[in-house]
Amino acid sequence: GKWKNKERILIFSSRGINFRTRHLMQDLRMLMPHSKADTKMDRKDKLFVINEVCEMKNCNKCIYFEAKKKQDLYMWLSNSPHGPSAKFLVQNIHTLAELKMTGNCLKGSRPLLSFDPVFDELPHYALLKELLIQIFSTPRYHPKSQPFVDHVFTFTILDNRMWFRNFQIIEEDAALVEIGPRFVLNLIKIFQGSFGGPTLYENPHYQSPNMHRRVIRSITAAKYKEKQQVKEVQKLRKKEPKTLVPHDPTADVFVTPAEEKPVEIQWVKPEPKVDLKARKKRVYKRQRKMKQRMDSRKAK
C-alpha cells in the first residue's frame, strides 16, 4: 500500500525533567513509530518557538513535556502550527520498566484507540478526542510501522481526569493484558492556537500543585496551632485555685453502711517470738569459751 497519512509527531521536553519523565518519553517514542525526537528546549524560550522546531523537523503534531520547580510536569498536545492545543498536568506516572507487566506487543505495531463514552457527550472532550486520534493513531503503511494490530490505547474519563492505559490483545479469546506505561492527565486549558491564543475551555475543577501544597501546609499548621492552644489551656487550668465543692447530702442516699464486725479482745499475753539468730550466736559464744578453757588446761 501507499503511505498517504503523513502524520509526524515531535516528542521532546524542556530542561529540568527527572528520570521518570525521560523514561516516559522513551516509552511513548517506542510505542509510536511515527514520532520524532529533538534536543531539550531551554526554559527561557517562549513556547511559540516550538512551532518553528516542528516546521524544521517536518512534523505537524507535537507532544511537549514542560517541567517546573523540578517536581511538577505539564504536557502539551498541539496541532502545529494552526492549533488547537491542550495543556495537561501529568500525575501518577508509571513507566514500562517500573511496572513489569506480563503483557507484550510487537514494536512498531498499530494500536486500536478506545475512548470513554463521555468523549462524545461534551464538546471540549469531543475536540480532545479528535486531537488524540490524530496524535496517537499510527498511520497506515508507515515505513517504520508493522502491519499488525495487537494492542489497545484506552482513554477513560474518571474524577474529571483522563486516564491512559495500554493493553495487549490476546489472540485466543481477545482478552486484555496491561503492558504500560500508565499516567493520568488533568486538563487545564484548551487553546485555539498552537501553544497559545484564545482560550476555548478552562477546567473549573483544576487545582494547581502550588495551591494543593499550600492547602496541605495550612492543614498541618492548623493542627499544630490547635495542639498548642490545648496545652496553654491546660497550663492555665493548673494555675487556677482549686474550688472546694460543698458536700451534697443527697449523694449518700443510696450508700449502704458496711456490717460492723465484733471486736475481739485478747486476754492472754502472746508468747514472745524466739530469735533464732540470737540463740545461735549465744550457743556459738558458749562453745568458744568452753574450747578456750580446755586449751588453757592442756597447756598447764
Foldseek 3Di string as FASTA:
>chain_A
DDQDLLAAEEEEEAPLEDPLVVLVSVQLCQQAVRYDYDYHHYPVDAPLVVLVVCVVVVHQWYWYWYDDPSPWIKIKTFGPFFDKIWIWTKDDWDHQVRPVWPDDDDGQEFEAEAEDPVLVVDDVSVVVVVSCCSHRTHGPPDVSHDDDYFKYWYWYADPQKTKTWIWGQDPPPRDTTTRDDIIIIHTAFIARGGSDHDTPDGDPPDDDPVRVVVVVVVVVVVVVVVVVVVVVVVVVVVPDDDDDDDDDVVVCPPPDDDDDDDDDDDPDDDDDDDDPVVVVVVVVVVVVVVVVVVVVVVVD
